[in-house]
Amino acid sequence: MPEGNSLRFLAVYEHAFPRLLELIDQGYTQAEAARVLNDEGIRTSTGAPLNQPTVCRMLKFARQRQRAQQVVAVESPGKTWDDLNMVERYQRIEAIEQAPRIDDSDFVARELNKQLEEQAQAIRYATSGKFIG
């Protein structure tokens, strides 16, 4: 079961993750991003302004969420991140945190190649004459 504080953290801040990543990609520091997010009305669950340590944790979750979304897309074709409830989202992020660090694009490519190979095997079997249907 998810750790309560981390699940609550995800629930409070998940809507702000895309904006945070956008700011960081534009070259903002974490402290600068905190100021921008504060100016945009994003606050802690108690209503306090965001600070750099909170933004640092948000950034960690945001990057893990990004990777988890890619995994969901590969593992569950037709299912989107929005189809998952908050506990399932947290579990996916937690799995990313526990997984060994690998390049996301390599992982996605390997997973897609594996799926394509499985489909090719199924087609070869179906067209080999061994399949009676």
C-alpha atoms as a PDB file:
ATOM      1  CA  MET A   1       0.000   0.000   0.000  1.00  0.00           C
ATOM      2  CA  PRO A   2       1.295   3.450  -0.805  1.00  0.00           C
ATOM      3  CA  GLU A   3       2.852   5.610   1.841  1.00  0.00           C
ATOM      4  CA  GLY A   4       0.113   8.066   2.840  1.00  0.00           C
ATOM      5  CA  ASN A   5       2.199  11.238   2.668  1.00  0.00           C
ATOM      6  CA  SER A   6       3.576  10.410  -0.784  1.00  0.00           C
ATOM      7  CA  LEU A   7       0.144   9.536  -2.148  1.00  0.00           C
ATOM      8  CA  ARG A   8      -1.273  12.772  -0.723  1.00  0.00           C
ATOM      9  CA  PHE A   9       1.690  14.663  -2.218  1.00  0.00           C
ATOM     10  CA  LEU A  10       0.925  13.184  -5.643  1.00  0.00           C
ATOM     11  CA  ALA A  11      -2.762  14.033  -5.338  1.00  0.00           C
ATOM     12  CA  VAL A  12      -2.039  17.656  -4.370  1.00  0.00           C
ATOM     13  CA  TYR A  13       0.609  18.434  -6.972  1.00  0.00           C
ATOM     14  CA  GLU A  14       0.069  16.164  -9.966  1.00  0.00           C
ATOM     15  CA  HIS A  15      -1.829  18.856 -11.879  1.00  0.00           C
ATOM     16  CA  ALA A  16       1.224  21.152 -11.591  1.00  0.00           C
ATOM     17  CA  PHE A  17       3.821  18.650 -12.880  1.00  0.00           C
ATOM     18  CA  PRO A  18       3.579  19.533 -16.597  1.00  0.00           C
ATOM     19  CA  ARG A  19       4.006  23.247 -15.846  1.00  0.00           C
ATOM     20  CA  LEU A  20       6.957  22.561 -13.552  1.00  0.00           C
ATOM     21  CA  LEU A  21       8.706  20.458 -16.202  1.00  0.00           C
ATOM     22  CA  GLU A  22       8.055  23.194 -18.756  1.00  0.00           C
ATOM     23  CA  LEU A  23       9.679  25.805 -16.490  1.00  0.00           C
ATOM     24  CA  ILE A  24      12.712  23.599 -15.781  1.00  0.00           C
ATOM     25  CA  ASP A  25      13.080  22.861 -19.517  1.00  0.00           C
ATOM     26  CA  GLN A  26      13.065  26.631 -20.135  1.00  0.00           C
ATOM     27  CA  GLY A  27      16.057  26.978 -17.803  1.00  0.00           C
ATOM     28  CA  TYR A  28      14.386  28.125 -14.607  1.00  0.00           C
ATOM     29  CA  THR A  29      16.053  27.074 -11.359  1.00  0.00           C
ATOM     30  CA  GLN A  30      13.938  25.246  -8.807  1.00  0.00           C
ATOM     31  CA  ALA A  31      13.665  28.404  -6.680  1.00  0.00           C
ATOM     32  CA  GLU A  32      12.617  30.453  -9.721  1.00  0.00           C
ATOM     33  CA  ALA A  33      10.094  27.784 -10.699  1.00  0.00           C
ATOM     34  CA  ALA A  34       8.697  27.874  -7.150  1.00  0.00           C
ATOM     35  CA  ARG A  35       8.176  31.641  -7.461  1.00  0.00           C
ATOM     36  CA  VAL A  36       6.426  31.273 -10.836  1.00  0.00           C
ATOM     37  CA  LEU A  37       4.179  28.471  -9.575  1.00  0.00           C
ATOM     38  CA  ASN A  38       3.354  30.533  -6.482  1.00  0.00           C
ATOM     39  CA  ASP A  39       2.462  33.487  -8.728  1.00  0.00           C
ATOM     40  CA  GLU A  40       0.185  31.123 -10.686  1.00  0.00           C
ATOM     41  CA  GLY A  41      -1.642  30.187  -7.476  1.00  0.00           C
ATOM     42  CA  ILE A  42      -0.185  26.745  -6.803  1.00  0.00           C
ATOM     43  CA  ARG A  43       0.227  26.222  -3.069  1.00  0.00           C
ATOM     44  CA  THR A  44       0.955  23.423  -0.604  1.00  0.00           C
ATOM     45  CA  SER A  45      -1.946  21.384   0.752  1.00  0.00           C
ATOM     46  CA  THR A  46      -2.034  23.763   3.742  1.00  0.00           C
ATOM     47  CA  GLY A  47      -2.142  26.838   1.486  1.00  0.00           C
ATOM     48  CA  ALA A  48       1.456  27.873   2.151  1.00  0.00           C
ATOM     49  CA  PRO A  49       3.648  29.103  -0.709  1.00  0.00           C
ATOM     50  CA  LEU A  50       5.870  26.548  -2.408  1.00  0.00           C
ATOM     51  CA  ASN A  51       9.546  26.520  -1.485  1.00  0.00           C
ATOM     52  CA  GLN A  52      12.604  25.032  -3.200  1.00  0.00           C
ATOM     53  CA  PRO A  53      12.584  21.710  -1.243  1.00  0.00           C
ATOM     54  CA  THR A  54       8.928  21.162  -2.163  1.00  0.00           C
ATOM     55  CA  VAL A  55       9.641  21.966  -5.811  1.00  0.00           C
ATOM     56  CA  CYS A  56      12.616  19.583  -5.719  1.00  0.00           C
ATOM     57  CA  ARG A  57      10.326  16.763  -4.555  1.00  0.00           C
ATOM     58  CA  MET A  58       7.690  17.792  -7.111  1.00  0.00           C
ATOM     59  CA  LEU A  59      10.309  17.623  -9.851  1.00  0.00           C
ATOM     60  CA  LYS A  60      11.350  14.119  -8.792  1.00  0.00           C
ATOM     61  CA  PHE A  61       7.712  12.961  -8.879  1.00  0.00           C
ATOM     62  CA  ALA A  62       7.100  14.764 -12.181  1.00  0.00           C
ATOM     63  CA  ARG A  63       9.998  12.990 -13.910  1.00  0.00           C
ATOM     64  CA  GLN A  64       8.984   9.617 -12.497  1.00  0.00           C
ATOM     65  CA  ARG A  65       5.392  10.274 -13.570  1.00  0.00           C
ATOM     66  CA  GLN A  66       6.605  11.065 -17.080  1.00  0.00           C
ATOM     67  CA  ARG A  67       8.444   7.724 -17.252  1.00  0.00           C
ATOM     68  CA  ALA A  68       5.485   5.878 -15.713  1.00  0.00           C
ATOM     69  CA  GLN A  69       3.172   7.339 -18.365  1.00  0.00           C
ATOM     70  CA  GLN A  70       5.460   5.945 -21.085  1.00  0.00           C
ATOM     71  CA  VAL A  71       5.439   2.524 -19.423  1.00  0.00           C
ATOM     72  CA  VAL A  72       1.634   2.526 -19.187  1.00  0.00           C
ATOM     73  CA  ALA A  73       1.416   3.399 -22.878  1.00  0.00           C
ATOM     74  CA  VAL A  74       3.672   0.461 -23.782  1.00  0.00           C
ATOM     75  CA  GLU A  75       2.314  -2.102 -21.316  1.00  0.00           C
ATOM     76  CA  SER A  76      -1.367  -1.296 -21.747  1.00  0.00           C
ATOM     77  CA  PRO A  77      -2.165  -0.198 -25.304  1.00  0.00           C
ATOM     78  CA  GLY A  78      -5.387   1.779 -25.331  1.00  0.00           C
ATOM     79  CA  LYS A  79      -5.106   2.665 -21.646  1.00  0.00           C
ATOM     80  CA  THR A  80      -4.034   6.156 -20.668  1.00  0.00           C
ATOM     81  CA  TRP A  81      -2.669   7.692 -17.493  1.00  0.00           C
ATOM     82  CA  ASP A  82      -6.083   9.283 -16.930  1.00  0.00           C
ATOM     83  CA  ASP A  83      -7.644   5.804 -16.799  1.00  0.00           C
ATOM     84  CA  LEU A  84      -5.647   4.998 -13.642  1.00  0.00           C
ATOM     85  CA  ASN A  85      -6.881   5.943 -10.193  1.00  0.00           C
ATOM     86  CA  MET A  86      -4.559   7.819  -7.846  1.00  0.00           C
ATOM     87  CA  VAL A  87      -3.341   4.659  -6.044  1.00  0.00           C
ATOM     88  CA  GLU A  88      -2.525   2.975  -9.372  1.00  0.00           C
ATOM     89  CA  ARG A  89      -0.686   6.104 -10.495  1.00  0.00           C
ATOM     90  CA  TYR A  90       1.315   6.167  -7.275  1.00  0.00           C
ATOM     91  CA  GLN A  91       2.161   2.455  -7.645  1.00  0.00           C
ATOM     92  CA  ARG A  92       3.409   3.041 -11.199  1.00  0.00           C
ATOM     93  CA  ILE A  93       5.577   5.957 -10.053  1.00  0.00           C
ATOM     94  CA  GLU A  94       6.885   3.915  -7.120  1.00  0.00           C
ATOM     95  CA  ALA A  95       7.816   1.087  -9.528  1.00  0.00           C
ATOM     96  CA  ILE A  96       9.770   3.572 -11.660  1.00  0.00           C
ATOM     97  CA  GLU A  97      11.622   4.791  -8.577  1.00  0.00           C
ATOM     98  CA  GLN A  98      12.578   1.211  -7.661  1.00  0.00           C
ATOM     99  CA  ALA A  99      13.575   0.214 -11.202  1.00  0.00           C
ATOM    100  CA  PRO A 100      17.181   0.420 -12.335  1.00  0.00           C
ATOM    101  CA  ARG A 101      17.913   3.607 -14.268  1.00  0.00           C
ATOM    102  CA  ILE A 102      17.895   3.073 -18.017  1.00  0.00           C
ATOM    103  CA  ASP A 103      17.392   5.390 -20.942  1.00  0.00           C
ATOM    104  CA  ASP A 104      13.632   5.744 -21.476  1.00  0.00           C
ATOM    105  CA  SER A 105      13.855   5.767 -25.257  1.00  0.00           C
ATOM    106  CA  ASP A 106      15.823   2.501 -25.246  1.00  0.00           C
ATOM    107  CA  PHE A 107      13.294   0.931 -22.884  1.00  0.00           C
ATOM    108  CA  VAL A 108      10.319   2.009 -24.975  1.00  0.00           C
ATOM    109  CA  ALA A 109      12.026   0.828 -28.183  1.00  0.00           C
ATOM    110  CA  ARG A 110      12.782  -2.601 -26.658  1.00  0.00           C
ATOM    111  CA  GLU A 111       9.223  -2.972 -25.401  1.00  0.00           C
ATOM    112  CA  LEU A 112       7.737  -1.995 -28.758  1.00  0.00           C
ATOM    113  CA  ASN A 113      10.102  -4.378 -30.571  1.00  0.00           C
ATOM    114  CA  LYS A 114       9.067  -7.173 -28.212  1.00  0.00           C
ATOM    115  CA  GLN A 115       5.381  -6.496 -28.937  1.00  0.00           C
ATOM    116  CA  LEU A 116       6.027  -6.387 -32.685  1.00  0.00           C
ATOM    117  CA  GLU A 117       7.908  -9.688 -32.539  1.00  0.00           C
ATOM    118  CA  GLU A 118       5.045 -11.317 -30.633  1.00  0.00           C
ATOM    119  CA  GLN A 119       2.577 -10.051 -33.244  1.00  0.00           C
ATOM    120  CA  ALA A 120       4.826 -11.277 -36.073  1.00  0.00           C
ATOM    121  CA  GLN A 121       5.034 -14.736 -34.471  1.00  0.00           C
ATOM    122  CA  ALA A 122       1.248 -14.843 -34.163  1.00  0.00           C
ATOM    123  CA  ILE A 123       0.857 -13.880 -37.827  1.00  0.00           C
ATOM    124  CA  ARG A 124       3.441 -16.467 -38.941  1.00  0.00           C
ATOM    125  CA  TYR A 125       1.650 -19.136 -36.909  1.00  0.00           C
ATOM    126  CA  ALA A 126      -1.761 -18.131 -38.226  1.00  0.00           C
ATOM    127  CA  THR A 127      -0.549 -18.209 -41.837  1.00  0.00           C
ATOM    128  CA  SER A 128       1.547 -21.382 -41.530  1.00  0.00           C
ATOM    129  CA  GLY A 129      -1.356 -23.756 -41.944  1.00  0.00           C
ATOM    130  CA  LYS A 130      -0.866 -25.148 -38.425  1.00  0.00           C
ATOM    131  CA  PHE A 131      -3.607 -22.928 -37.082  1.00  0.00           C
ATOM    132  CA  ILE A 132      -7.074 -24.331 -37.646  1.00  0.00           C
ATOM    133  CA  GLY A 133      -9.705 -21.760 -36.889  1.00  0.00           C
END
